[in-house]
Amino acid sequence: MLQKVQNLLLQLAEMFTTPLLFVGDTYISLSLLLKLCLYLITVLIFGRIFKNLLKKVFLVKLGIDEANREAISTIFSYGVSTLGVIII
């Protein structure tokens, strides 16, 4: 039973690390694509948290009205998310 589980895990590891595509000297595998998706989701979540924090905490203390808070926080969250995607 333990041997079957080990074989299954080895087959899964091989499936995720098998090169699907070569780009220059780098190979693209399923594990690399999954990591990329995870990083992108993390950046988008961080951008949303940044937007809400900016809108509900920092801009309120400055006394800016609601419409301008929304606009400013949206622009900044787009900037943070774009920067995060470029860094990835």
N, C-alpha and C. Protein backbone atom coordinates (compact mmCIF):
# COMPACT_ATOMS: atom_id res chain seq x y z
N MET A 1 0.83 -1.20 0.00
CA MET A 1 0.00 0.00 0.00
C MET A 1 0.87 1.26 0.00
N LEU A 2 1.89 1.25 0.85
CA LEU A 2 2.79 2.40 0.92
C LEU A 2 3.54 2.59 -0.40
N GLN A 3 3.89 1.50 -1.03
CA GLN A 3 4.59 1.56 -2.32
C GLN A 3 3.70 2.18 -3.39
N LYS A 4 2.40 1.86 -3.37
CA LYS A 4 1.47 2.44 -4.35
C LYS A 4 1.33 3.94 -4.15
N VAL A 5 1.28 4.37 -2.90
CA VAL A 5 1.17 5.80 -2.61
C VAL A 5 2.44 6.51 -3.07
N GLN A 6 3.59 5.93 -2.81
CA GLN A 6 4.85 6.53 -3.25
C GLN A 6 4.92 6.61 -4.77
N ASN A 7 4.48 5.58 -5.45
CA ASN A 7 4.46 5.59 -6.91
C ASN A 7 3.51 6.67 -7.44
N LEU A 8 2.37 6.82 -6.80
CA LEU A 8 1.42 7.84 -7.21
C LEU A 8 2.01 9.23 -7.03
N LEU A 9 2.66 9.47 -5.90
CA LEU A 9 3.27 10.77 -5.65
C LEU A 9 4.41 11.04 -6.63
N LEU A 10 5.17 10.04 -6.96
CA LEU A 10 6.23 10.20 -7.96
C LEU A 10 5.66 10.53 -9.34
N GLN A 11 4.57 9.88 -9.71
CA GLN A 11 3.94 10.16 -11.00
C GLN A 11 3.37 11.58 -11.02
N LEU A 12 2.78 12.01 -9.91
CA LEU A 12 2.26 13.38 -9.84
C LEU A 12 3.39 14.40 -9.94
N ALA A 13 4.48 14.14 -9.22
CA ALA A 13 5.63 15.05 -9.28
C ALA A 13 6.19 15.11 -10.69
N GLU A 14 6.26 13.99 -11.36
CA GLU A 14 6.75 13.95 -12.73
C GLU A 14 5.81 14.70 -13.67
N MET A 15 4.51 14.56 -13.45
CA MET A 15 3.53 15.24 -14.29
C MET A 15 3.65 16.76 -14.14
N PHE A 16 3.84 17.24 -12.91
CA PHE A 16 3.92 18.67 -12.69
C PHE A 16 5.24 19.28 -13.13
N THR A 17 6.29 18.50 -13.20
CA THR A 17 7.60 19.04 -13.57
C THR A 17 8.00 18.73 -15.00
N THR A 18 7.21 18.01 -15.73
CA THR A 18 7.50 17.70 -17.14
C THR A 18 7.41 18.98 -17.96
N PRO A 19 8.43 19.28 -18.74
CA PRO A 19 8.39 20.51 -19.56
C PRO A 19 7.27 20.43 -20.60
N LEU A 20 6.47 21.48 -20.64
CA LEU A 20 5.40 21.57 -21.63
C LEU A 20 5.85 22.38 -22.85
N LEU A 21 6.73 23.35 -22.58
CA LEU A 21 7.11 24.31 -23.60
C LEU A 21 8.48 24.87 -23.24
N PHE A 22 9.30 25.11 -24.22
CA PHE A 22 10.60 25.72 -23.99
C PHE A 22 10.57 27.14 -24.54
N VAL A 23 11.02 28.09 -23.71
CA VAL A 23 11.13 29.49 -24.12
C VAL A 23 12.59 29.88 -23.88
N GLY A 24 13.36 29.94 -24.94
CA GLY A 24 14.80 30.20 -24.79
C GLY A 24 15.44 29.03 -24.06
N ASP A 25 16.11 29.34 -22.94
CA ASP A 25 16.74 28.30 -22.14
C ASP A 25 15.84 27.84 -20.99
N THR A 26 14.68 28.43 -20.86
CA THR A 26 13.77 28.13 -19.75
C THR A 26 12.66 27.21 -20.22
N TYR A 27 12.33 26.25 -19.38
CA TYR A 27 11.20 25.39 -19.73
C TYR A 27 9.99 25.77 -18.88
N ILE A 28 8.83 25.68 -19.48
CA ILE A 28 7.57 25.99 -18.83
C ILE A 28 6.91 24.67 -18.47
N SER A 29 6.61 24.51 -17.18
CA SER A 29 5.96 23.29 -16.72
C SER A 29 4.65 23.65 -16.03
N LEU A 30 3.89 22.65 -15.71
CA LEU A 30 2.62 22.86 -15.03
C LEU A 30 2.85 23.48 -13.65
N SER A 31 3.89 23.07 -12.97
CA SER A 31 4.17 23.63 -11.64
C SER A 31 4.53 25.11 -11.75
N LEU A 32 5.25 25.50 -12.79
CA LEU A 32 5.59 26.90 -12.99
C LEU A 32 4.34 27.73 -13.28
N LEU A 33 3.44 27.20 -14.06
CA LEU A 33 2.18 27.90 -14.36
C LEU A 33 1.32 28.05 -13.11
N LEU A 34 1.28 27.02 -12.28
CA LEU A 34 0.51 27.09 -11.03
C LEU A 34 1.11 28.12 -10.07
N LYS A 35 2.45 28.17 -9.99
CA LYS A 35 3.10 29.18 -9.15
C LYS A 35 2.78 30.58 -9.65
N LEU A 36 2.82 30.76 -10.96
CA LEU A 36 2.52 32.06 -11.54
C LEU A 36 1.10 32.49 -11.21
N CYS A 37 0.14 31.58 -11.31
CA CYS A 37 -1.25 31.89 -10.97
C CYS A 37 -1.37 32.25 -9.50
N LEU A 38 -0.67 31.53 -8.64
CA LEU A 38 -0.71 31.82 -7.21
C LEU A 38 -0.13 33.20 -6.92
N TYR A 39 0.97 33.54 -7.56
CA TYR A 39 1.58 34.86 -7.37
C TYR A 39 0.65 35.97 -7.86
N LEU A 40 0.00 35.76 -9.00
CA LEU A 40 -0.92 36.77 -9.52
C LEU A 40 -2.11 36.97 -8.60
N ILE A 41 -2.66 35.89 -8.09
CA ILE A 41 -3.78 36.00 -7.15
C ILE A 41 -3.35 36.75 -5.89
N THR A 42 -2.14 36.45 -5.41
CA THR A 42 -1.63 37.14 -4.22
C THR A 42 -1.48 38.63 -4.48
N VAL A 43 -0.96 39.01 -5.63
CA VAL A 43 -0.81 40.42 -5.97
C VAL A 43 -2.16 41.11 -6.06
N LEU A 44 -3.14 40.46 -6.66
CA LEU A 44 -4.46 41.07 -6.78
C LEU A 44 -5.14 41.22 -5.42
N ILE A 45 -4.97 40.24 -4.55
CA ILE A 45 -5.52 40.35 -3.19
C ILE A 45 -4.85 41.48 -2.44
N PHE A 46 -3.52 41.58 -2.57
CA PHE A 46 -2.79 42.67 -1.91
C PHE A 46 -3.26 44.02 -2.43
N GLY A 47 -3.49 44.14 -3.73
CA GLY A 47 -3.99 45.39 -4.31
C GLY A 47 -5.36 45.76 -3.77
N ARG A 48 -6.23 44.79 -3.59
CA ARG A 48 -7.56 45.05 -3.05
C ARG A 48 -7.48 45.48 -1.58
N ILE A 49 -6.63 44.80 -0.81
CA ILE A 49 -6.46 45.18 0.60
C ILE A 49 -5.90 46.59 0.69
N PHE A 50 -4.92 46.90 -0.16
CA PHE A 50 -4.35 48.24 -0.18
C PHE A 50 -5.41 49.30 -0.51
N LYS A 51 -6.26 48.99 -1.47
CA LYS A 51 -7.31 49.93 -1.85
C LYS A 51 -8.26 50.20 -0.69
N ASN A 52 -8.71 49.14 -0.03
CA ASN A 52 -9.65 49.32 1.07
C ASN A 52 -9.01 50.04 2.24
N LEU A 53 -7.76 49.73 2.54
CA LEU A 53 -7.06 50.40 3.62
C LEU A 53 -6.88 51.88 3.32
N LEU A 54 -6.50 52.18 2.12
CA LEU A 54 -6.32 53.57 1.71
C LEU A 54 -7.64 54.32 1.76
N LYS A 55 -8.70 53.70 1.24
CA LYS A 55 -10.00 54.36 1.15
C LYS A 55 -10.65 54.57 2.52
N LYS A 56 -10.56 53.56 3.39
CA LYS A 56 -11.30 53.60 4.65
C LYS A 56 -10.51 54.14 5.83
N VAL A 57 -9.18 54.24 5.71
CA VAL A 57 -8.40 54.69 6.84
C VAL A 57 -7.66 55.98 6.53
N PHE A 58 -6.75 55.93 5.57
CA PHE A 58 -5.86 57.06 5.36
C PHE A 58 -6.56 58.27 4.74
N LEU A 59 -7.36 58.06 3.72
CA LEU A 59 -8.01 59.20 3.05
C LEU A 59 -9.13 59.78 3.89
N VAL A 60 -9.74 59.00 4.77
CA VAL A 60 -10.76 59.52 5.67
C VAL A 60 -10.12 60.51 6.63
N LYS A 61 -8.92 60.19 7.12
CA LYS A 61 -8.23 61.09 8.05
C LYS A 61 -7.85 62.40 7.40
N LEU A 62 -7.69 62.40 6.09
CA LEU A 62 -7.37 63.64 5.38
C LEU A 62 -8.62 64.48 5.09
N GLY A 63 -9.79 63.95 5.36
CA GLY A 63 -11.04 64.68 5.16
C GLY A 63 -11.48 64.77 3.71
N ILE A 64 -11.09 63.84 2.90
CA ILE A 64 -11.47 63.84 1.48
C ILE A 64 -12.85 63.20 1.35
N ASP A 65 -13.68 63.78 0.46
CA ASP A 65 -15.04 63.25 0.31
C ASP A 65 -15.02 61.86 -0.32
N GLU A 66 -16.16 61.16 -0.23
CA GLU A 66 -16.23 59.74 -0.59
C GLU A 66 -15.91 59.46 -2.05
N ALA A 67 -16.41 60.28 -2.96
CA ALA A 67 -16.18 60.04 -4.39
C ALA A 67 -14.69 60.16 -4.73
N ASN A 68 -14.05 61.18 -4.18
CA ASN A 68 -12.62 61.34 -4.44
C ASN A 68 -11.80 60.26 -3.77
N ARG A 69 -12.22 59.79 -2.59
CA ARG A 69 -11.52 58.69 -1.93
C ARG A 69 -11.56 57.44 -2.80
N GLU A 70 -12.73 57.18 -3.37
CA GLU A 70 -12.88 56.01 -4.24
C GLU A 70 -11.98 56.13 -5.47
N ALA A 71 -11.97 57.29 -6.09
CA ALA A 71 -11.16 57.49 -7.29
C ALA A 71 -9.67 57.38 -6.98
N ILE A 72 -9.23 58.03 -5.92
CA ILE A 72 -7.81 58.00 -5.55
C ILE A 72 -7.37 56.59 -5.19
N SER A 73 -8.18 55.91 -4.39
CA SER A 73 -7.80 54.56 -3.97
C SER A 73 -7.80 53.59 -5.15
N THR A 74 -8.71 53.77 -6.09
CA THR A 74 -8.74 52.91 -7.28
C THR A 74 -7.48 53.11 -8.12
N ILE A 75 -7.10 54.35 -8.33
CA ILE A 75 -5.90 54.64 -9.12
C ILE A 75 -4.66 54.06 -8.45
N PHE A 76 -4.54 54.24 -7.13
CA PHE A 76 -3.39 53.70 -6.42
C PHE A 76 -3.38 52.17 -6.42
N SER A 77 -4.56 51.55 -6.29
CA SER A 77 -4.59 50.08 -6.30
C SER A 77 -4.22 49.53 -7.67
N TYR A 78 -4.64 50.23 -8.74
CA TYR A 78 -4.22 49.82 -10.08
C TYR A 78 -2.70 49.91 -10.21
N GLY A 79 -2.14 50.98 -9.68
CA GLY A 79 -0.69 51.16 -9.74
C GLY A 79 0.05 50.08 -8.97
N VAL A 80 -0.41 49.77 -7.76
CA VAL A 80 0.23 48.74 -6.95
C VAL A 80 0.10 47.38 -7.63
N SER A 81 -1.07 47.07 -8.14
CA SER A 81 -1.27 45.78 -8.81
C SER A 81 -0.42 45.68 -10.08
N THR A 82 -0.35 46.75 -10.85
CA THR A 82 0.47 46.75 -12.06
C THR A 82 1.94 46.56 -11.73
N LEU A 83 2.40 47.26 -10.71
CA LEU A 83 3.79 47.11 -10.28
C LEU A 83 4.07 45.68 -9.82
N GLY A 84 3.14 45.09 -9.10
CA GLY A 84 3.31 43.71 -8.66
C GLY A 84 3.37 42.73 -9.80
N VAL A 85 2.52 42.93 -10.80
CA VAL A 85 2.53 42.04 -11.98
C VAL A 85 3.83 42.20 -12.75
N ILE A 86 4.33 43.42 -12.86
CA ILE A 86 5.60 43.65 -13.57
C ILE A 86 6.74 42.98 -12.83
N ILE A 87 6.73 43.06 -11.51
CA ILE A 87 7.80 42.44 -10.71
C ILE A 87 7.77 40.93 -10.85
N ILE A 88 6.59 40.35 -10.89
CA ILE A 88 6.48 38.89 -11.04
C ILE A 88 7.05 38.50 -12.37
